[in-house]
Amino acid sequence: MRQPDPVRELLADKTYDTNAFHAYLKQQNISVAIPGKSNRKGRIRHDKNAYKKRNVIERRFGRLKDFRCIVTRYDKLTGRYFATLCLVATVAHWL
């Protein structure tokens, strides 16, 4: 089985803007695209262009949530749920 590629960049919203989290990510050599909270004392630098990509990801997940069978997880078996998720993702991508 192929090993997954290591994480190189993290896109997150302002909720994850903590000093401890930033320090952990820096220790792991992960670049951060998290804007600073409005009440943060010092400004924090982040890649604004990379942060804009986060919107695309959130819209994809929002589109998947339009399908009730995914949100409520009618299929309790993992294989069936995964198959349904793949089918819905394909249909959502085409629409």
N, C-alpha and C. Protein backbone atom coordinates (compact mmCIF):
# COMPACT_ATOMS: atom_id res chain seq x y z
N MET A 1 0.84 -1.18 0.00
CA MET A 1 0.00 0.00 0.00
C MET A 1 0.89 1.25 0.00
N ARG A 2 0.52 2.20 -0.79
CA ARG A 2 1.30 3.44 -0.94
C ARG A 2 1.10 4.35 0.27
N GLN A 3 2.18 4.93 0.74
CA GLN A 3 2.11 5.86 1.86
C GLN A 3 1.51 7.19 1.37
N PRO A 4 0.64 7.80 2.17
CA PRO A 4 0.08 9.10 1.75
C PRO A 4 1.16 10.18 1.76
N ASP A 5 0.97 11.16 0.92
CA ASP A 5 1.90 12.28 0.87
C ASP A 5 1.81 13.06 2.18
N PRO A 6 2.93 13.59 2.65
CA PRO A 6 2.89 14.36 3.90
C PRO A 6 2.16 15.69 3.70
N VAL A 7 1.60 16.19 4.76
CA VAL A 7 0.89 17.47 4.72
C VAL A 7 1.92 18.58 4.58
N ARG A 8 1.70 19.46 3.61
CA ARG A 8 2.63 20.57 3.40
C ARG A 8 2.02 21.91 3.78
N GLU A 9 0.69 22.01 3.70
CA GLU A 9 0.04 23.29 3.94
C GLU A 9 -1.31 23.05 4.60
N LEU A 10 -1.68 23.91 5.53
CA LEU A 10 -2.96 23.80 6.22
C LEU A 10 -3.78 25.05 5.95
N LEU A 11 -4.98 24.86 5.44
CA LEU A 11 -5.92 25.95 5.23
C LEU A 11 -7.01 25.84 6.30
N ALA A 12 -7.17 26.86 7.09
CA ALA A 12 -8.17 26.81 8.16
C ALA A 12 -8.72 28.22 8.40
N ASP A 13 -9.84 28.28 9.12
CA ASP A 13 -10.41 29.58 9.40
C ASP A 13 -9.85 30.14 10.71
N LYS A 14 -10.35 31.30 11.11
CA LYS A 14 -9.82 32.02 12.26
C LYS A 14 -9.98 31.27 13.58
N THR A 15 -10.86 30.29 13.62
CA THR A 15 -11.08 29.53 14.84
C THR A 15 -9.80 28.84 15.30
N TYR A 16 -8.96 28.45 14.38
CA TYR A 16 -7.74 27.71 14.69
C TYR A 16 -6.54 28.61 14.92
N ASP A 17 -6.75 29.89 15.07
CA ASP A 17 -5.65 30.83 15.27
C ASP A 17 -5.26 30.87 16.75
N THR A 18 -4.38 29.96 17.15
CA THR A 18 -3.82 29.97 18.50
C THR A 18 -2.30 29.83 18.39
N ASN A 19 -1.61 30.38 19.37
CA ASN A 19 -0.15 30.31 19.36
C ASN A 19 0.34 28.88 19.45
N ALA A 20 -0.31 28.08 20.28
CA ALA A 20 0.11 26.69 20.45
C ALA A 20 -0.06 25.91 19.14
N PHE A 21 -1.15 26.13 18.44
CA PHE A 21 -1.40 25.43 17.19
C PHE A 21 -0.39 25.85 16.12
N HIS A 22 -0.11 27.14 16.05
CA HIS A 22 0.89 27.63 15.10
C HIS A 22 2.27 27.05 15.41
N ALA A 23 2.61 26.97 16.69
CA ALA A 23 3.91 26.41 17.07
C ALA A 23 4.00 24.93 16.69
N TYR A 24 2.93 24.18 16.91
CA TYR A 24 2.93 22.77 16.55
C TYR A 24 3.11 22.58 15.05
N LEU A 25 2.39 23.37 14.25
CA LEU A 25 2.50 23.26 12.81
C LEU A 25 3.89 23.65 12.31
N LYS A 26 4.46 24.65 12.93
CA LYS A 26 5.82 25.06 12.56
C LYS A 26 6.82 23.95 12.88
N GLN A 27 6.61 23.28 14.01
CA GLN A 27 7.47 22.16 14.40
C GLN A 27 7.37 21.01 13.40
N GLN A 28 6.20 20.81 12.81
CA GLN A 28 5.96 19.75 11.85
C GLN A 28 6.32 20.16 10.42
N ASN A 29 6.83 21.39 10.23
CA ASN A 29 7.19 21.95 8.92
C ASN A 29 5.98 22.03 7.98
N ILE A 30 4.87 22.49 8.52
CA ILE A 30 3.65 22.67 7.74
C ILE A 30 3.41 24.17 7.61
N SER A 31 3.29 24.66 6.37
CA SER A 31 3.00 26.07 6.19
C SER A 31 1.53 26.33 6.53
N VAL A 32 1.28 27.51 7.03
CA VAL A 32 -0.04 27.83 7.59
C VAL A 32 -0.70 28.93 6.78
N ALA A 33 -1.98 28.75 6.47
CA ALA A 33 -2.79 29.79 5.84
C ALA A 33 -4.02 30.01 6.72
N ILE A 34 -3.76 30.57 7.91
CA ILE A 34 -4.83 30.86 8.86
C ILE A 34 -4.76 32.35 9.17
N PRO A 35 -5.79 33.11 8.86
CA PRO A 35 -5.76 34.53 9.19
C PRO A 35 -5.88 34.73 10.70
N GLY A 36 -5.34 35.83 11.19
CA GLY A 36 -5.40 36.12 12.62
C GLY A 36 -6.78 36.59 13.04
N LYS A 37 -7.12 36.29 14.27
CA LYS A 37 -8.39 36.78 14.82
C LYS A 37 -8.31 38.30 14.97
N SER A 38 -9.47 38.93 15.03
CA SER A 38 -9.50 40.39 15.12
C SER A 38 -8.97 40.88 16.47
N ASN A 39 -9.05 40.05 17.52
CA ASN A 39 -8.59 40.49 18.83
C ASN A 39 -7.15 40.07 19.12
N ARG A 40 -6.44 39.56 18.14
CA ARG A 40 -5.03 39.15 18.31
C ARG A 40 -4.17 40.39 18.47
N LYS A 41 -3.26 40.36 19.43
CA LYS A 41 -2.43 41.53 19.69
C LYS A 41 -1.44 41.82 18.58
N GLY A 42 -0.75 40.80 18.11
CA GLY A 42 0.20 40.99 17.02
C GLY A 42 -0.36 40.45 15.71
N ARG A 43 0.00 41.08 14.63
CA ARG A 43 -0.45 40.60 13.33
C ARG A 43 0.26 39.31 12.99
N ILE A 44 -0.44 38.43 12.30
CA ILE A 44 0.16 37.17 11.88
C ILE A 44 0.11 37.12 10.35
N ARG A 45 1.20 36.67 9.76
CA ARG A 45 1.27 36.62 8.30
C ARG A 45 0.69 35.30 7.81
N HIS A 46 -0.04 35.37 6.72
CA HIS A 46 -0.57 34.16 6.09
C HIS A 46 -0.68 34.41 4.59
N ASP A 47 -0.73 33.34 3.84
CA ASP A 47 -0.81 33.40 2.39
C ASP A 47 -2.28 33.64 1.99
N LYS A 48 -2.59 34.84 1.56
CA LYS A 48 -3.98 35.18 1.25
C LYS A 48 -4.51 34.43 0.04
N ASN A 49 -3.66 34.19 -0.94
CA ASN A 49 -4.11 33.45 -2.12
C ASN A 49 -4.43 32.00 -1.78
N ALA A 50 -3.63 31.39 -0.93
CA ALA A 50 -3.90 30.01 -0.51
C ALA A 50 -5.17 29.97 0.33
N TYR A 51 -5.39 30.98 1.16
CA TYR A 51 -6.59 31.01 2.01
C TYR A 51 -7.86 31.10 1.17
N LYS A 52 -7.78 31.75 0.02
CA LYS A 52 -8.96 31.85 -0.85
C LYS A 52 -9.37 30.50 -1.39
N LYS A 53 -8.43 29.56 -1.52
CA LYS A 53 -8.75 28.21 -2.00
C LYS A 53 -9.65 27.45 -1.02
N ARG A 54 -9.62 27.84 0.24
CA ARG A 54 -10.43 27.18 1.25
C ARG A 54 -11.91 27.27 0.92
N ASN A 55 -12.32 28.35 0.30
CA ASN A 55 -13.71 28.55 -0.09
C ASN A 55 -14.19 27.45 -1.04
N VAL A 56 -13.35 27.04 -1.96
CA VAL A 56 -13.70 25.99 -2.92
C VAL A 56 -13.98 24.68 -2.19
N ILE A 57 -13.14 24.36 -1.23
CA ILE A 57 -13.31 23.12 -0.47
C ILE A 57 -14.60 23.16 0.33
N GLU A 58 -14.88 24.28 0.97
CA GLU A 58 -16.10 24.38 1.78
C GLU A 58 -17.36 24.30 0.91
N ARG A 59 -17.30 24.87 -0.29
CA ARG A 59 -18.46 24.76 -1.17
C ARG A 59 -18.69 23.32 -1.61
N ARG A 60 -17.62 22.56 -1.83
CA ARG A 60 -17.76 21.14 -2.20
C ARG A 60 -18.43 20.35 -1.08
N PHE A 61 -17.99 20.56 0.16
CA PHE A 61 -18.63 19.86 1.27
C PHE A 61 -20.07 20.31 1.44
N GLY A 62 -20.34 21.59 1.24
CA GLY A 62 -21.71 22.08 1.33
C GLY A 62 -22.60 21.44 0.28
N ARG A 63 -22.05 21.22 -0.90
CA ARG A 63 -22.82 20.58 -1.97
C ARG A 63 -23.14 19.13 -1.62
N LEU A 64 -22.19 18.44 -1.00
CA LEU A 64 -22.45 17.06 -0.57
C LEU A 64 -23.55 17.00 0.49
N LYS A 65 -23.61 18.02 1.32
CA LYS A 65 -24.62 18.04 2.38
C LYS A 65 -26.03 18.29 1.85
N ASP A 66 -26.15 18.67 0.59
CA ASP A 66 -27.47 18.83 -0.02
C ASP A 66 -28.16 17.48 -0.18
N PHE A 67 -27.40 16.41 -0.19
CA PHE A 67 -27.96 15.08 -0.35
C PHE A 67 -28.24 14.48 1.02
N ARG A 68 -29.50 14.27 1.31
CA ARG A 68 -29.94 13.84 2.63
C ARG A 68 -29.33 12.50 3.06
N CYS A 69 -29.12 11.60 2.11
CA CYS A 69 -28.59 10.28 2.45
C CYS A 69 -27.17 10.37 2.98
N ILE A 70 -26.43 11.41 2.63
CA ILE A 70 -25.07 11.58 3.12
C ILE A 70 -25.08 12.19 4.52
N VAL A 71 -25.91 13.20 4.70
CA VAL A 71 -25.95 13.91 5.98
C VAL A 71 -26.47 13.02 7.09
N THR A 72 -27.55 12.29 6.83
CA THR A 72 -28.15 11.47 7.88
C THR A 72 -27.54 10.09 7.98
N ARG A 73 -26.73 9.72 7.01
CA ARG A 73 -26.05 8.42 6.94
C ARG A 73 -27.04 7.28 7.13
N TYR A 74 -27.93 7.16 6.14
CA TYR A 74 -28.90 6.06 6.14
C TYR A 74 -28.21 4.70 6.10
N ASP A 75 -27.16 4.58 5.29
CA ASP A 75 -26.45 3.31 5.17
C ASP A 75 -25.50 3.17 6.36
N LYS A 76 -25.75 2.18 7.19
CA LYS A 76 -24.91 1.98 8.37
C LYS A 76 -23.64 1.19 8.06
N LEU A 77 -23.64 0.43 6.97
CA LEU A 77 -22.45 -0.32 6.60
C LEU A 77 -21.46 0.59 5.89
N THR A 78 -20.22 0.47 6.27
CA THR A 78 -19.17 1.36 5.75
C THR A 78 -19.05 1.28 4.24
N GLY A 79 -19.08 0.07 3.70
CA GLY A 79 -18.93 -0.10 2.25
C GLY A 79 -20.05 0.55 1.47
N ARG A 80 -21.27 0.38 1.94
CA ARG A 80 -22.42 1.00 1.26
C ARG A 80 -22.37 2.52 1.37
N TYR A 81 -22.01 3.01 2.55
CA TYR A 81 -21.95 4.46 2.74
C TYR A 81 -20.88 5.06 1.82
N PHE A 82 -19.72 4.41 1.73
CA PHE A 82 -18.64 4.90 0.87
C PHE A 82 -19.07 4.88 -0.59
N ALA A 83 -19.78 3.83 -1.00
CA ALA A 83 -20.26 3.75 -2.38
C ALA A 83 -21.26 4.88 -2.65
N THR A 84 -22.15 5.13 -1.71
CA THR A 84 -23.13 6.22 -1.86
C THR A 84 -22.41 7.56 -1.92
N LEU A 85 -21.41 7.73 -1.07
CA LEU A 85 -20.65 8.98 -1.05
C LEU A 85 -19.95 9.20 -2.39
N CYS A 86 -19.37 8.15 -2.95
CA CYS A 86 -18.70 8.26 -4.26
C CYS A 86 -19.70 8.62 -5.36
N LEU A 87 -20.86 7.99 -5.33
CA LEU A 87 -21.89 8.28 -6.33
C LEU A 87 -22.37 9.72 -6.22
N VAL A 88 -22.66 10.16 -5.00
CA VAL A 88 -23.14 11.53 -4.78
C VAL A 88 -22.06 12.54 -5.16
N ALA A 89 -20.80 12.25 -4.84
CA ALA A 89 -19.73 13.18 -5.20
C ALA A 89 -19.60 13.31 -6.71
N THR A 90 -19.79 12.20 -7.42
CA THR A 90 -19.73 12.23 -8.88
C THR A 90 -20.88 13.05 -9.44
N VAL A 91 -22.06 12.82 -8.95
CA VAL A 91 -23.25 13.57 -9.43
C VAL A 91 -23.10 15.05 -9.08
N ALA A 92 -22.66 15.36 -7.87
CA ALA A 92 -22.51 16.76 -7.45
C ALA A 92 -21.46 17.47 -8.29
N HIS A 93 -20.43 16.75 -8.68
CA HIS A 93 -19.37 17.36 -9.51
C HIS A 93 -19.90 17.69 -10.91
N TRP A 94 -20.73 16.84 -11.45
CA TRP A 94 -21.28 17.06 -12.79
C TRP A 94 -22.34 18.14 -12.80
N LEU A 95 -23.06 18.32 -11.72
CA LEU A 95 -24.13 19.32 -11.70
C LEU A 95 -23.59 20.64 -11.39
